[in-house]
Amino acid sequence: MPAERDPIDLAARALHYGDRSRRELDDRLARAGVGDDERADALDTLERVGYVDDGRFAATRAEALAGRGYGDEAIRHDLEGHGIDAEAVAGAIGGLEPEIDRARALVERLGCTAKTALHLARKGFGEESVEAAVGADVAQGDG
């Protein structure tokens, strides 16, 4: 098999630019014309040696998104979009600073306003976290 068609080489090239989920690598190999069995074997090998680890990917991605001001629901949606299973998603989110604390930190930085409450909601923060961070009156637009 030529080097450019070697599934492990193709996946390694993709990983050179950053961590990827197993599904993302599988999709990339499929687009490159690699057969199902070859893809599965290559991905299993890469998992065994630690180059592919959906739990690590999920934790790192969740931390980055939380650091950019996203709430748990947005993070969950993003990780699921990368093909991460529910257990790894829950573990990644569970490893973050609690959503309510992240919401309060954003309110401290942005101010306790209805505009901030809308910002938090758009960024995937849960209703309870938004209300706890800005107060129910402000979150509902009464303040």
Protein backbone atom coordinates (compact mmCIF):
# COMPACT_ATOMS: atom_id res chain seq x y z
CA MET A 1 0.00 0.00 0.00
CA PRO A 2 1.47 3.41 -0.93
CA ALA A 3 2.34 5.68 2.02
CA GLU A 4 -0.25 8.27 1.05
CA ARG A 5 -2.97 5.60 1.34
CA ASP A 6 -1.75 4.13 4.62
CA PRO A 7 -4.65 4.85 6.99
CA ILE A 8 -2.39 5.23 10.02
CA ASP A 9 -0.23 7.74 8.14
CA LEU A 10 -3.31 9.66 6.98
CA ALA A 11 -4.71 9.78 10.52
CA ALA A 12 -1.34 10.75 11.97
CA ARG A 13 -1.14 13.66 9.56
CA ALA A 14 -4.56 14.86 10.72
CA LEU A 15 -3.47 14.49 14.36
CA HIS A 16 -0.34 16.54 13.67
CA TYR A 17 -2.54 19.66 13.65
CA GLY A 18 -4.42 18.83 16.84
CA ASP A 19 -6.31 16.19 18.75
CA ARG A 20 -9.32 14.73 16.96
CA SER A 21 -12.10 12.40 17.96
CA ARG A 22 -12.25 8.87 16.64
CA ARG A 23 -15.29 9.72 14.54
CA GLU A 24 -13.58 12.73 12.98
CA LEU A 25 -10.62 10.57 11.99
CA ASP A 26 -12.93 7.83 10.74
CA ASP A 27 -14.78 10.37 8.57
CA ARG A 28 -11.48 11.73 7.23
CA LEU A 29 -10.24 8.26 6.34
CA ALA A 30 -13.56 7.39 4.70
CA ARG A 31 -13.32 10.53 2.53
CA ALA A 32 -9.81 9.42 1.56
CA GLY A 33 -11.28 6.15 0.29
CA VAL A 34 -10.04 3.88 3.07
CA GLY A 35 -12.25 0.81 3.51
CA ASP A 36 -14.27 0.06 6.63
CA ASP A 37 -12.04 -2.73 7.95
CA GLU A 38 -8.82 -0.80 7.28
CA ARG A 39 -10.24 2.26 9.06
CA ALA A 40 -11.34 0.26 12.08
CA ASP A 41 -7.96 -1.49 12.34
CA ALA A 42 -6.04 1.78 12.01
CA LEU A 43 -8.20 3.57 14.58
CA ASP A 44 -7.98 0.66 17.01
CA THR A 45 -4.19 0.75 16.68
CA LEU A 46 -4.08 4.51 17.23
CA GLU A 47 -6.28 4.14 20.32
CA ARG A 48 -4.05 1.37 21.72
CA VAL A 49 -0.95 3.54 21.44
CA GLY A 50 -2.74 6.59 22.86
CA TYR A 51 -2.88 8.81 19.77
CA VAL A 52 -6.67 8.67 19.70
CA ASP A 53 -8.50 9.08 22.99
CA ASP A 54 -12.05 10.41 22.93
CA GLY A 55 -12.04 10.97 26.70
CA ARG A 56 -8.92 13.13 26.48
CA PHE A 57 -10.28 14.93 23.42
CA ALA A 58 -13.59 15.62 25.20
CA ALA A 59 -11.93 16.91 28.38
CA THR A 60 -9.53 19.17 26.49
CA ARG A 61 -12.25 20.51 24.17
CA ALA A 62 -14.69 21.07 27.06
CA GLU A 63 -12.05 22.99 29.02
CA ALA A 64 -11.26 25.16 26.00
CA LEU A 65 -14.93 25.94 25.35
CA ALA A 66 -15.59 26.69 29.03
CA GLY A 67 -12.59 29.01 28.97
CA ARG A 68 -14.16 30.82 26.02
CA GLY A 69 -17.35 31.42 28.02
CA TYR A 70 -19.58 28.54 26.94
CA GLY A 71 -22.10 26.84 29.19
CA ASP A 72 -22.64 23.13 29.66
CA GLU A 73 -25.37 22.74 27.04
CA ALA A 74 -23.27 24.36 24.30
CA ILE A 75 -20.29 22.22 25.31
CA ARG A 76 -22.44 19.07 25.29
CA HIS A 77 -23.77 19.92 21.85
CA ASP A 78 -20.27 20.58 20.50
CA LEU A 79 -18.83 17.34 21.85
CA GLU A 80 -21.73 15.29 20.55
CA GLY A 81 -21.16 16.92 17.16
CA HIS A 82 -17.61 15.55 17.25
CA GLY A 83 -18.99 12.05 17.81
CA ILE A 84 -18.18 11.80 21.51
CA ASP A 85 -20.35 9.30 23.39
CA ALA A 86 -22.62 10.37 26.24
CA GLU A 87 -20.40 8.90 28.96
CA ALA A 88 -17.30 10.79 27.79
CA VAL A 89 -19.35 13.97 27.37
CA ALA A 90 -20.66 13.67 30.92
CA GLY A 91 -17.15 13.02 32.23
CA ALA A 92 -15.72 16.02 30.41
CA ILE A 93 -18.44 18.36 31.64
CA GLY A 94 -18.19 16.88 35.13
CA GLY A 95 -14.51 17.78 35.18
CA LEU A 96 -15.19 21.47 34.59
CA GLU A 97 -15.66 24.20 37.14
CA PRO A 98 -19.40 24.16 37.95
CA GLU A 99 -21.47 26.01 35.35
CA ILE A 100 -22.99 28.32 37.95
CA ASP A 101 -19.52 29.49 39.03
CA ARG A 102 -18.51 30.11 35.42
CA ALA A 103 -21.73 32.09 34.89
CA ARG A 104 -21.08 34.19 38.00
CA ALA A 105 -17.53 34.95 36.83
CA LEU A 106 -18.89 36.17 33.49
CA VAL A 107 -21.46 38.33 35.25
CA GLU A 108 -18.69 39.87 37.36
CA ARG A 109 -16.80 40.71 34.19
CA LEU A 110 -19.75 41.81 32.00
CA GLY A 111 -22.09 43.32 34.60
CA CYS A 112 -25.36 42.19 36.06
CA THR A 113 -27.72 43.20 33.25
CA ALA A 114 -30.45 41.67 31.13
CA LYS A 115 -28.00 41.86 28.21
CA THR A 116 -25.56 39.67 30.14
CA ALA A 117 -28.36 37.22 30.94
CA LEU A 118 -29.13 36.94 27.22
CA HIS A 119 -25.44 36.50 26.46
CA LEU A 120 -25.22 33.61 28.94
CA ALA A 121 -28.32 31.97 27.49
CA ARG A 122 -26.92 32.27 23.94
CA LYS A 123 -23.66 30.70 25.13
CA GLY A 124 -25.48 27.61 26.36
CA PHE A 125 -25.81 28.29 30.07
CA GLY A 126 -28.79 26.65 31.74
CA GLU A 127 -31.68 28.74 33.01
CA GLU A 128 -30.84 27.92 36.64
CA SER A 129 -27.25 29.10 36.21
CA VAL A 130 -28.32 32.29 34.48
CA GLU A 131 -30.87 33.11 37.17
CA ALA A 132 -28.41 32.33 39.95
CA ALA A 133 -25.76 34.51 38.36
CA VAL A 134 -27.82 37.60 37.52
CA GLY A 135 -30.92 37.12 39.65
CA ALA A 136 -34.34 35.95 38.52
CA ASP A 137 -35.66 39.48 37.95
CA VAL A 138 -32.80 40.47 35.64
CA ALA A 139 -32.84 37.09 33.83
CA GLN A 140 -36.55 37.52 33.10
CA GLY A 141 -36.08 41.09 31.96
CA ASP A 142 -37.80 42.68 34.98
CA GLY A 143 -34.63 44.29 36.36
